[in-house]
Amino acid sequence: MVYEYRHLHPQNREIRLLRLVSQEGRNGDSENGPEIIQATLEHASLEDKPDYIALSYTWGDPNRTKPILLDGTPVEVTENLVAALRWLIRDDISALWIDAVCINQRDNEEKSWQVQQMRDVYQRAKAVIIWLGPGADDSEYALGAMSNIAERTVDPSKPFDWGDIWRALAQEASDDTNSFRNTTLERVFSDLGIAREGILLTPIAPWFALLKRQWWHRVWVMQEIAVADEFWFTCGDNTLYGRKMQIALDLFRHYYLHVMTSKPVDPSEWSPAAKELLAHEFDLRPWVMMDNWHKSEDNDRTLLTILHKAMLPPERRMEATNPRDFIYALLGIASDAESLGISPDYSKSCQDVYTDVAHKLIENGQIVALSYCQLPKGLPDLPSWVPDWPNLRHHPLQPPWTSGEKSKGLKRFAAAADTTVCCSFRFRKGSSYASPAISGYRVDNIRQLGRIWTDLPPTAKDLEPHDHPYMQWLLDITDMAESSPSMYETQEARAEAVWRTALTDKDPSQEGMLGKAGISPLDTFHELLKGQLYDRVHFNCLGIMEGVRKGRRSFKTKRGYIGLGPEAMRPGDLVVIFKGAEVPYVIREVQNGFRLIGEAYIHGLMYGEFLKGLMCEELFVLL
């Protein structure tokens, strides 16, 4: 028997609320609650401000289900939801909103408009309960330790400020409220009970186990937690106030970064804390999640910025059962969603959804979206100018929050100088979508390609530096620069072209921070070419190269420019600079237009140098 949902009325902004049915002995005889959960569904209008709790959880394995009775009808739901309901029924919660049950998942039309108002559903909830799953791996200890650390900082009801921690610690130690200025990081972490003299004071394995739970990986929860007025984490029989979780995680991140940036180069000199931390996989997704909570709606919350944080790096991307939800799950917290004019529509194919989003982004001047077009794509029949979000392979050269008019001085590159994006969309005969016709400048054609830096097999961990692939990377770029005397006339100019290209102009003395590299690490590169690794700058150089080489290879153009571009480049491909773009792009001429191959770093073209002369503007139609 299939449960028959009653029709919801969009004009009334209706939702369904789940009410758990009280059953005799529900609080007493069994920790597991009733054998079968019983509940009813009722309709309510958001305009009437109903009183309810919203549940944030992961569905879990769709093939592992158990029945509940919904208005007397058996309905299969995932085991993880049943576990959450068993906890909730003991907590005597009257009304719940749960997406899997309160939305008719078989009705795409209803699902589309319900998803559109999901931000309001979570924002207007009395509270959001986050179900992390049953207790395991010392989760009770982890939540307790997080609570204790948070309580030792500041009042968790107040906005969190790292400076408040220093002040609070100083006031505990002395009546002199200015003494916090002399408090070291080590003292802070010691007083908070995190670590002392390089030794962890709290077992860290339960923390990492808790932060690996599937909830932290689900793309939908980014919105659910970002708009919540109040939220609680629940794991097994233990709960933790969301504000305390945020403070504890922020402190832990500070300590982790402190240890990673201060540890000696030689592993034998690492502290016990560094060794223990490095024994665990550090996953950024929990911090991305918590950073979204109540963040102001500025340039940090554009759809493109949130997509970047949700989908990169690829080994840490958020997850969704329906690939359309990589877009739809983020619209509710994107500051530019309304101006982009994108609405959930589950009747559209994934290709159409991604194409519509790319169209709206470029049309609104966010040409940096082209930097997320990477080959190969996993989704078939996707236009070359449309990013395949679940299949991104690497970070772009310049993240979206450093692009455009609101970059707040963080902009790294400005290949098109102070020009503005000039683009129109044109329908072609026989095509189901409009293609962007973008104004720009033809730079040069690619003549020579370098080798691809292949990943080393696990057996090659002890490879000597001079046999490492980074040597091939540097030698290829060096050879190309040395063979371009007309472009880089002096030995000094050629050497600078090599190290700036290899690092995409990142500063190795600042852990690869944004901004043009200042002091030349030329001596460092001479030592690297000799296979010599001495200090942190050497390792920072390798770390930067390890990051920028993914999906890229070196190349030289006919005129002698050297740079890094997409692996899929071919000799003869064209380098262009689109108006308003921060970086150059590589395109390939095909019938009726061009295919976008990807973005490029080109020494001597990244800061508007090419546009200083009299240039001929062209129109490039991307297919």
Foldseek 3Di string as FASTA:
>chain_A
DDDDDDDDDVVQQKWKKKFWDDDPCQQHDDLQGDPATEIEIDMDGVVVLDAEEEEQEDQPDPVAWDWHQYVNRTDTGHPQVSSVVSLVVNVPGGIYDYPVPTFPPVDLVRVQSNLQCVLVVLLSYPEYEYELGADDPPLVQVQVLLLQLLVQADDLVDDDDPVSRLQSVVVVVDVPSPCSVVDDPQNSCVSSQQDHPLGGRGDCRSVLVSCPGLSLQALLLLSSQQNHPWYWYDYHPDIHTPSSNLVSVVSVVVVLVVQVVPAFPDPVRRGPNPVSVVVGDDACSVVLSSVSHPDDQDLCQAQQNNLPVQCPPPVRHHDDPDLLCSRSSRLSRHSCNVVLVDGGRVVDDSLVSQQSSLVSCVVVQNQVQQQQQAPDAPDPPHFSSGHNSNPGNADGLFGSCCADDNVVPLNAFALQAPFGWDWDWADDPPDPGTWIWFKWFFDFFFAWWADAQDDDPPVCPVPQLLPHSVLSQLVRLLVLLVVQCVVQVDPVSSLQQRLCQLLVQAALVVLRGGYGHDDDPSVLVVCSNVRHDDGSSNVSSVVSNVRVSTQWTWTAGPNRWIWIDGPPDDGGWTWIDTGSDQFIFTWADDPPFIRTHHTMRIPPRGHHNVVPDDTDMDIGTGD
